[in-house]
């Protein structure tokens, strides 16, 4: 089994799930654009299994939106991170959308996740 399928994720794997989730949320809620290859750069810098992690993050969003998904792609620890990150950012967006968008977009642009 790959590290991503283990019960405990590394700091880098957790970071990947948070960044990917935040990127999707900024693209859907804040008029931001995902940078092509942005997450690949994070994967290359950190040495994690980005393909497995991206499949897991994508599958969670597919489940959440009622789209077809590959059950085998789900990683429970990633699902939990995506769900908690979505809830946290969602609550922040409700409180102050412009500040939340501004802060996340600025940080994600610096990391190369957003254009």
N, C-alpha and C. Protein backbone atom coordinates (compact mmCIF):
# COMPACT_ATOMS: atom_id res chain seq x y z
N UNK A 1 0.85 -1.20 0.00
CA UNK A 1 0.00 0.00 0.00
C UNK A 1 0.88 1.24 0.00
N UNK A 2 0.41 2.26 -0.67
CA UNK A 2 1.17 3.51 -0.69
C UNK A 2 0.96 4.25 0.61
N UNK A 3 1.80 5.24 0.85
CA UNK A 3 1.68 6.03 2.07
C UNK A 3 0.33 6.69 2.17
N UNK A 4 -0.23 7.07 1.03
CA UNK A 4 -1.51 7.79 1.04
C UNK A 4 -2.66 6.90 1.51
N UNK A 5 -2.50 5.58 1.43
CA UNK A 5 -3.58 4.71 1.86
C UNK A 5 -3.46 4.34 3.34
N UNK A 6 -2.38 4.75 3.97
CA UNK A 6 -2.19 4.46 5.39
C UNK A 6 -3.15 5.32 6.22
N UNK A 7 -3.37 4.91 7.45
CA UNK A 7 -4.29 5.64 8.32
C UNK A 7 -3.78 7.03 8.65
N UNK A 8 -2.47 7.15 8.83
CA UNK A 8 -1.90 8.44 9.22
C UNK A 8 -1.22 9.07 8.02
N UNK A 9 -1.64 10.29 7.70
CA UNK A 9 -1.04 10.99 6.59
C UNK A 9 0.14 11.82 7.06
N UNK A 10 1.10 12.01 6.17
CA UNK A 10 2.21 12.89 6.50
C UNK A 10 1.73 14.34 6.46
N UNK A 11 2.52 15.22 7.01
CA UNK A 11 2.21 16.65 6.97
C UNK A 11 2.05 17.11 5.53
N UNK A 12 2.90 16.61 4.64
CA UNK A 12 2.85 17.01 3.24
C UNK A 12 1.58 16.49 2.56
N UNK A 13 1.17 15.26 2.88
CA UNK A 13 -0.06 14.71 2.30
C UNK A 13 -1.28 15.48 2.80
N UNK A 14 -1.29 15.80 4.08
CA UNK A 14 -2.38 16.60 4.63
C UNK A 14 -2.40 17.97 3.95
N UNK A 15 -1.23 18.56 3.80
CA UNK A 15 -1.13 19.86 3.13
C UNK A 15 -1.66 19.81 1.71
N UNK A 16 -1.35 18.74 1.00
CA UNK A 16 -1.85 18.57 -0.36
C UNK A 16 -3.38 18.59 -0.37
N UNK A 17 -4.00 17.82 0.52
CA UNK A 17 -5.46 17.74 0.56
C UNK A 17 -6.08 19.10 0.89
N UNK A 18 -5.48 19.82 1.82
CA UNK A 18 -5.99 21.15 2.19
C UNK A 18 -5.85 22.12 1.01
N UNK A 19 -4.67 22.13 0.38
CA UNK A 19 -4.43 23.05 -0.74
C UNK A 19 -5.34 22.74 -1.92
N UNK A 20 -5.49 21.46 -2.25
CA UNK A 20 -6.34 21.08 -3.38
C UNK A 20 -7.79 21.46 -3.09
N UNK A 21 -8.23 21.21 -1.87
CA UNK A 21 -9.60 21.55 -1.48
C UNK A 21 -9.82 23.06 -1.52
N UNK A 22 -8.89 23.80 -0.95
CA UNK A 22 -9.00 25.26 -0.95
C UNK A 22 -8.99 25.80 -2.37
N UNK A 23 -8.16 25.22 -3.22
CA UNK A 23 -8.10 25.66 -4.61
C UNK A 23 -9.43 25.48 -5.32
N UNK A 24 -10.05 24.32 -5.13
CA UNK A 24 -11.36 24.07 -5.73
C UNK A 24 -12.39 25.05 -5.18
N UNK A 25 -12.36 25.28 -3.87
CA UNK A 25 -13.33 26.19 -3.26
C UNK A 25 -13.14 27.63 -3.75
N UNK A 26 -11.91 28.06 -3.91
CA UNK A 26 -11.66 29.42 -4.40
C UNK A 26 -12.10 29.54 -5.86
N UNK A 27 -11.91 28.48 -6.63
CA UNK A 27 -12.32 28.50 -8.03
C UNK A 27 -13.84 28.53 -8.15
N UNK A 28 -14.54 27.86 -7.24
CA UNK A 28 -16.00 27.80 -7.34
C UNK A 28 -16.70 28.93 -6.61
N UNK A 29 -16.09 29.47 -5.57
CA UNK A 29 -16.76 30.49 -4.75
C UNK A 29 -16.21 31.90 -4.91
N UNK A 30 -14.99 32.03 -5.41
CA UNK A 30 -14.31 33.32 -5.35
C UNK A 30 -13.75 33.80 -6.68
N UNK A 31 -14.20 33.24 -7.77
CA UNK A 31 -13.77 33.74 -9.08
C UNK A 31 -12.26 33.64 -9.25
N UNK A 32 -11.67 32.56 -8.78
CA UNK A 32 -10.24 32.32 -8.96
C UNK A 32 -10.07 31.23 -10.01
N UNK A 33 -8.86 31.10 -10.53
CA UNK A 33 -8.58 30.11 -11.56
C UNK A 33 -7.46 29.19 -11.09
N UNK A 34 -7.70 27.89 -11.17
CA UNK A 34 -6.69 26.90 -10.80
C UNK A 34 -5.54 27.01 -11.80
N UNK A 35 -4.32 27.00 -11.31
CA UNK A 35 -3.14 27.04 -12.17
C UNK A 35 -2.85 25.63 -12.66
N UNK A 36 -2.80 25.47 -13.97
CA UNK A 36 -2.49 24.15 -14.52
C UNK A 36 -1.11 23.71 -14.05
N UNK A 37 -1.05 22.52 -13.47
CA UNK A 37 0.22 22.00 -12.98
C UNK A 37 0.64 22.53 -11.64
N UNK A 38 -0.19 23.36 -11.02
CA UNK A 38 0.17 23.94 -9.73
C UNK A 38 0.34 22.92 -8.62
N UNK A 39 -0.57 21.97 -8.56
CA UNK A 39 -0.46 20.94 -7.53
C UNK A 39 0.71 20.00 -7.83
N UNK A 40 1.02 19.81 -9.11
CA UNK A 40 2.16 18.96 -9.48
C UNK A 40 3.46 19.53 -8.92
N UNK A 41 3.56 20.85 -8.92
CA UNK A 41 4.77 21.48 -8.36
C UNK A 41 4.88 21.18 -6.87
N UNK A 42 3.75 21.25 -6.16
CA UNK A 42 3.76 20.93 -4.73
C UNK A 42 4.19 19.48 -4.53
N UNK A 43 3.65 18.57 -5.35
CA UNK A 43 3.99 17.15 -5.27
C UNK A 43 5.48 16.96 -5.51
N UNK A 44 6.00 17.62 -6.54
CA UNK A 44 7.42 17.47 -6.86
C UNK A 44 8.32 18.01 -5.74
N UNK A 45 7.89 19.10 -5.11
CA UNK A 45 8.68 19.68 -4.01
C UNK A 45 8.67 18.78 -2.78
N UNK A 46 7.55 18.10 -2.55
CA UNK A 46 7.39 17.36 -1.29
C UNK A 46 7.64 15.86 -1.42
N UNK A 47 7.63 15.33 -2.64
CA UNK A 47 7.91 13.92 -2.84
C UNK A 47 6.79 12.99 -2.41
N UNK A 48 5.55 13.44 -2.50
CA UNK A 48 4.41 12.60 -2.12
C UNK A 48 3.77 11.97 -3.35
N UNK A 49 2.85 11.04 -3.13
CA UNK A 49 2.15 10.34 -4.20
C UNK A 49 0.96 11.18 -4.65
N UNK A 50 1.25 12.15 -5.49
CA UNK A 50 0.23 13.11 -5.92
C UNK A 50 -0.91 12.49 -6.71
N UNK A 51 -0.62 11.47 -7.52
CA UNK A 51 -1.67 10.86 -8.33
C UNK A 51 -2.74 10.24 -7.43
N UNK A 52 -2.29 9.46 -6.45
CA UNK A 52 -3.23 8.82 -5.52
C UNK A 52 -4.01 9.87 -4.74
N UNK A 53 -3.31 10.89 -4.27
CA UNK A 53 -3.95 11.93 -3.48
C UNK A 53 -4.95 12.74 -4.30
N UNK A 54 -4.61 13.09 -5.54
CA UNK A 54 -5.52 13.86 -6.37
C UNK A 54 -6.76 13.04 -6.71
N UNK A 55 -6.57 11.74 -6.98
CA UNK A 55 -7.72 10.87 -7.23
C UNK A 55 -8.63 10.85 -6.00
N UNK A 56 -8.03 10.80 -4.81
CA UNK A 56 -8.82 10.76 -3.58
C UNK A 56 -9.58 12.06 -3.36
N UNK A 57 -8.92 13.19 -3.56
CA UNK A 57 -9.58 14.49 -3.39
C UNK A 57 -10.70 14.64 -4.42
N UNK A 58 -10.42 14.28 -5.66
CA UNK A 58 -11.42 14.38 -6.72
C UNK A 58 -12.63 13.51 -6.41
N UNK A 59 -12.38 12.28 -5.94
CA UNK A 59 -13.48 11.37 -5.61
C UNK A 59 -14.36 11.94 -4.50
N UNK A 60 -13.76 12.59 -3.51
CA UNK A 60 -14.55 13.18 -2.43
C UNK A 60 -15.49 14.25 -2.99
N UNK A 61 -14.96 15.12 -3.84
CA UNK A 61 -15.82 16.15 -4.44
C UNK A 61 -16.90 15.54 -5.32
N UNK A 62 -16.59 14.44 -6.00
CA UNK A 62 -17.59 13.77 -6.82
C UNK A 62 -18.71 13.19 -5.93
N UNK A 63 -18.33 12.57 -4.82
CA UNK A 63 -19.32 12.04 -3.88
C UNK A 63 -20.19 13.18 -3.35
N UNK A 64 -19.54 14.25 -2.93
CA UNK A 64 -20.27 15.38 -2.32
C UNK A 64 -21.25 16.03 -3.28
N UNK A 65 -20.93 16.01 -4.59
CA UNK A 65 -21.80 16.66 -5.57
C UNK A 65 -22.71 15.67 -6.30
N UNK A 66 -22.73 14.42 -5.85
CA UNK A 66 -23.62 13.43 -6.44
C UNK A 66 -23.19 12.92 -7.80
N UNK A 67 -21.94 13.13 -8.15
CA UNK A 67 -21.42 12.63 -9.43
C UNK A 67 -20.92 11.20 -9.27
N UNK A 68 -20.82 10.46 -10.38
CA UNK A 68 -20.22 9.12 -10.30
C UNK A 68 -18.77 9.23 -9.83
N UNK A 69 -18.31 8.24 -9.10
CA UNK A 69 -16.94 8.25 -8.58
C UNK A 69 -16.44 6.82 -8.47
N UNK A 70 -15.14 6.69 -8.37
CA UNK A 70 -14.51 5.40 -8.17
C UNK A 70 -14.29 5.20 -6.67
N UNK A 71 -15.00 4.24 -6.11
CA UNK A 71 -14.89 4.01 -4.67
C UNK A 71 -13.46 3.66 -4.27
N UNK A 72 -12.76 2.95 -5.14
CA UNK A 72 -11.38 2.55 -4.85
C UNK A 72 -10.45 3.75 -4.72
N UNK A 73 -10.84 4.90 -5.29
CA UNK A 73 -10.00 6.09 -5.21
C UNK A 73 -10.10 6.79 -3.86
N UNK A 74 -11.15 6.52 -3.11
CA UNK A 74 -11.33 7.20 -1.82
C UNK A 74 -10.29 6.73 -0.81
N UNK A 75 -9.77 7.67 -0.05
CA UNK A 75 -8.85 7.41 1.07
C UNK A 75 -9.51 8.06 2.28
N UNK A 76 -9.93 7.26 3.28
CA UNK A 76 -10.70 7.83 4.39
C UNK A 76 -10.07 9.06 5.04
N UNK A 77 -8.77 9.05 5.26
CA UNK A 77 -8.13 10.21 5.90
C UNK A 77 -8.21 11.44 5.02
N UNK A 78 -8.12 11.27 3.71
CA UNK A 78 -8.25 12.40 2.78
C UNK A 78 -9.69 12.90 2.79
N UNK A 79 -10.65 11.99 2.80
CA UNK A 79 -12.07 12.38 2.86
C UNK A 79 -12.32 13.26 4.07
N UNK A 80 -11.77 12.87 5.22
CA UNK A 80 -11.96 13.65 6.44
C UNK A 80 -11.33 15.03 6.32
N UNK A 81 -10.16 15.13 5.72
CA UNK A 81 -9.51 16.44 5.56
C UNK A 81 -10.30 17.32 4.60
N UNK A 82 -10.74 16.75 3.48
CA UNK A 82 -11.53 17.52 2.52
C UNK A 82 -12.81 18.03 3.19
N UNK A 83 -13.48 17.14 3.93
CA UNK A 83 -14.73 17.54 4.59
C UNK A 83 -14.50 18.63 5.63
N UNK A 84 -13.46 18.50 6.45
CA UNK A 84 -13.22 19.51 7.49
C UNK A 84 -12.75 20.82 6.87
N UNK A 85 -11.92 20.75 5.84
CA UNK A 85 -11.45 21.97 5.17
C UNK A 85 -12.61 22.69 4.49
N UNK A 86 -13.47 21.92 3.84
CA UNK A 86 -14.64 22.50 3.18
C UNK A 86 -15.55 23.18 4.20
N UNK A 87 -15.76 22.53 5.33
CA UNK A 87 -16.62 23.11 6.38
C UNK A 87 -16.00 24.40 6.93
N UNK A 88 -14.70 24.37 7.19
CA UNK A 88 -14.02 25.53 7.76
C UNK A 88 -14.02 26.72 6.79
N UNK A 89 -13.61 26.47 5.55
CA UNK A 89 -13.58 27.56 4.57
C UNK A 89 -15.01 28.03 4.28
N UNK A 90 -15.95 27.08 4.21
CA UNK A 90 -17.35 27.45 3.97
C UNK A 90 -17.89 28.37 5.05
N UNK A 91 -17.57 28.08 6.29
CA UNK A 91 -18.00 28.94 7.40
C UNK A 91 -17.36 30.32 7.29
N UNK A 92 -16.07 30.35 6.94
CA UNK A 92 -15.37 31.64 6.79
C UNK A 92 -15.97 32.45 5.63
N UNK A 93 -16.33 31.76 4.54
CA UNK A 93 -16.93 32.45 3.40
C UNK A 93 -18.27 33.08 3.80
N UNK A 94 -19.04 32.38 4.63
CA UNK A 94 -20.33 32.91 5.08
C UNK A 94 -20.14 34.14 5.96
N UNK A 95 -19.09 34.11 6.80
CA UNK A 95 -18.82 35.24 7.71
C UNK A 95 -18.32 36.46 6.96
N UNK A 96 -17.34 36.25 6.09
CA UNK A 96 -16.73 37.38 5.37
C UNK A 96 -16.13 36.87 4.08
N UNK A 97 -16.96 36.83 3.04
CA UNK A 97 -16.53 36.24 1.77
C UNK A 97 -15.34 36.97 1.17
N UNK A 98 -15.39 38.29 1.12
CA UNK A 98 -14.31 39.01 0.45
C UNK A 98 -12.97 38.81 1.15
N UNK A 99 -12.94 38.87 2.47
CA UNK A 99 -11.69 38.68 3.20
C UNK A 99 -11.18 37.24 3.06
N UNK A 100 -12.10 36.27 3.13
CA UNK A 100 -11.70 34.87 3.01
C UNK A 100 -11.14 34.60 1.62
N UNK A 101 -11.84 35.08 0.59
CA UNK A 101 -11.36 34.89 -0.78
C UNK A 101 -10.00 35.55 -0.96
N UNK A 102 -9.88 36.77 -0.51
CA UNK A 102 -8.64 37.52 -0.67
C UNK A 102 -7.47 36.79 -0.01
N UNK A 103 -7.66 36.34 1.22
CA UNK A 103 -6.57 35.69 1.96
C UNK A 103 -6.17 34.37 1.31
N UNK A 104 -7.15 33.51 1.02
CA UNK A 104 -6.84 32.21 0.42
C UNK A 104 -6.25 32.37 -0.96
N UNK A 105 -6.83 33.24 -1.79
CA UNK A 105 -6.33 33.42 -3.15
C UNK A 105 -4.89 33.92 -3.12
N UNK A 106 -4.60 34.86 -2.26
CA UNK A 106 -3.23 35.38 -2.14
C UNK A 106 -2.25 34.25 -1.79
N UNK A 107 -2.59 33.48 -0.78
CA UNK A 107 -1.71 32.38 -0.34
C UNK A 107 -1.57 31.30 -1.41
N UNK A 108 -2.69 30.94 -2.04
CA UNK A 108 -2.64 29.87 -3.05
C UNK A 108 -1.92 30.32 -4.31
N UNK A 109 -1.96 31.60 -4.62
CA UNK A 109 -1.18 32.11 -5.76
C UNK A 109 0.31 32.03 -5.45
N UNK A 110 0.69 32.39 -4.23
CA UNK A 110 2.10 32.30 -3.85
C UNK A 110 2.63 30.88 -3.97
N UNK A 111 1.77 29.90 -3.68
CA UNK A 111 2.16 28.49 -3.75
C UNK A 111 2.02 27.92 -5.16
N UNK A 112 1.48 28.69 -6.09
CA UNK A 112 1.34 28.24 -7.45
C UNK A 112 0.11 27.40 -7.73
N UNK A 113 -0.82 27.33 -6.76
CA UNK A 113 -2.03 26.52 -6.94
C UNK A 113 -3.05 27.28 -7.80
N UNK A 114 -3.11 28.60 -7.63
CA UNK A 114 -4.01 29.43 -8.42
C UNK A 114 -3.23 30.37 -9.31
N UNK A 115 -3.87 30.77 -10.42
CA UNK A 115 -3.24 31.75 -11.32
C UNK A 115 -3.35 33.13 -10.72
